[in-house]
Amino acid sequence: MVVLTFDQPLEALDGVFERHELAGRAGAEFRQVGRMIAEVLDGLAKNGEEGNAAVEAKVKAEAIALCDRFPIYS
């Protein structure tokens, strides 16, 4: 299990996310990021560094798609 923490005050994110977005929607995205990290680590454990390119490419595409949903500059 991967646990991600944010140890800065919520105000540190002002201008990037609205409070209601963090409280209401970002939980699913944080879980998705955790799943992606776990998928890469599991792939490394199973395939080794040299055999994990397919897993890493898949997760990279998912990460880019997730980031595209939350542009910093619009």
Protein backbone atom coordinates (compact mmCIF):
# COMPACT_ATOMS: atom_id res chain seq x y z
CA MET A 1 0.00 0.00 0.00
CA VAL A 2 1.30 3.44 -0.95
CA VAL A 3 0.43 6.38 1.29
CA LEU A 4 0.91 9.89 -0.02
CA THR A 5 0.90 12.82 2.40
CA PHE A 6 0.83 16.56 2.00
CA ASP A 7 2.45 18.24 4.98
CA GLN A 8 2.02 21.86 3.93
CA PRO A 9 -1.05 23.93 4.78
CA LEU A 10 -3.85 23.82 2.25
CA GLU A 11 -3.27 27.52 1.54
CA ALA A 12 -0.01 26.54 -0.17
CA LEU A 13 -2.14 25.32 -3.07
CA ASP A 14 -4.10 28.57 -3.49
CA GLY A 15 -4.09 29.55 -7.15
CA VAL A 16 -3.47 25.98 -8.29
CA PHE A 17 -6.57 24.22 -6.97
CA GLU A 18 -9.68 25.57 -5.34
CA ARG A 19 -10.42 24.19 -1.87
CA HIS A 20 -13.63 22.51 -3.00
CA GLU A 21 -11.75 20.77 -5.82
CA LEU A 22 -9.25 19.31 -3.37
CA ALA A 23 -11.93 18.24 -0.93
CA GLY A 24 -14.40 16.96 -3.49
CA ARG A 25 -12.52 15.61 -6.48
CA ALA A 26 -8.80 15.34 -5.94
CA GLY A 27 -9.08 12.29 -3.65
CA ALA A 28 -9.70 10.07 -6.66
CA GLU A 29 -6.75 11.59 -8.49
CA PHE A 30 -4.45 11.08 -5.50
CA ARG A 31 -5.53 7.43 -5.37
CA GLN A 32 -4.86 7.17 -9.12
CA VAL A 33 -1.34 8.58 -8.66
CA GLY A 34 -0.72 6.08 -5.86
CA ARG A 35 -1.92 3.25 -8.10
CA MET A 36 0.39 4.40 -10.90
CA ILE A 37 3.38 4.51 -8.53
CA ALA A 38 2.54 1.04 -7.24
CA GLU A 39 2.15 -0.28 -10.79
CA VAL A 40 5.63 0.92 -11.78
CA LEU A 41 7.19 -0.44 -8.58
CA ASP A 42 5.44 -3.79 -9.01
CA GLY A 43 6.63 -3.91 -12.62
CA LEU A 44 10.20 -3.18 -11.56
CA ALA A 45 10.04 -5.94 -8.95
CA LYS A 46 8.63 -8.42 -11.49
CA ASN A 47 10.45 -7.41 -14.69
CA GLY A 48 13.62 -5.69 -13.52
CA GLU A 49 14.80 -2.33 -14.75
CA GLU A 50 15.49 -3.51 -18.28
CA GLY A 51 12.13 -5.25 -18.81
CA ASN A 52 9.79 -2.61 -17.44
CA ALA A 53 9.57 -0.24 -20.42
CA ALA A 54 6.02 -1.23 -21.39
CA VAL A 55 4.69 -0.67 -17.86
CA GLU A 56 6.50 2.66 -17.62
CA ALA A 57 5.19 3.81 -21.01
CA LYS A 58 1.63 2.92 -20.03
CA VAL A 59 1.87 4.76 -16.72
CA LYS A 60 3.55 7.75 -18.38
CA ALA A 61 0.61 8.07 -20.80
CA GLU A 62 -1.83 7.86 -17.87
CA ALA A 63 0.13 10.53 -15.95
CA ILE A 64 0.13 12.87 -18.94
CA ALA A 65 -3.62 12.40 -19.39
CA LEU A 66 -4.18 13.13 -15.70
CA CYS A 67 -2.03 16.27 -15.83
CA ASP A 68 -3.89 17.45 -18.93
CA ARG A 69 -7.08 17.49 -16.85
CA PHE A 70 -5.55 20.03 -14.43
CA PRO A 71 -3.61 22.61 -16.46
CA ILE A 72 -1.65 25.06 -14.33
CA TYR A 73 -1.74 27.75 -17.01
CA SER A 74 -4.84 28.21 -19.13
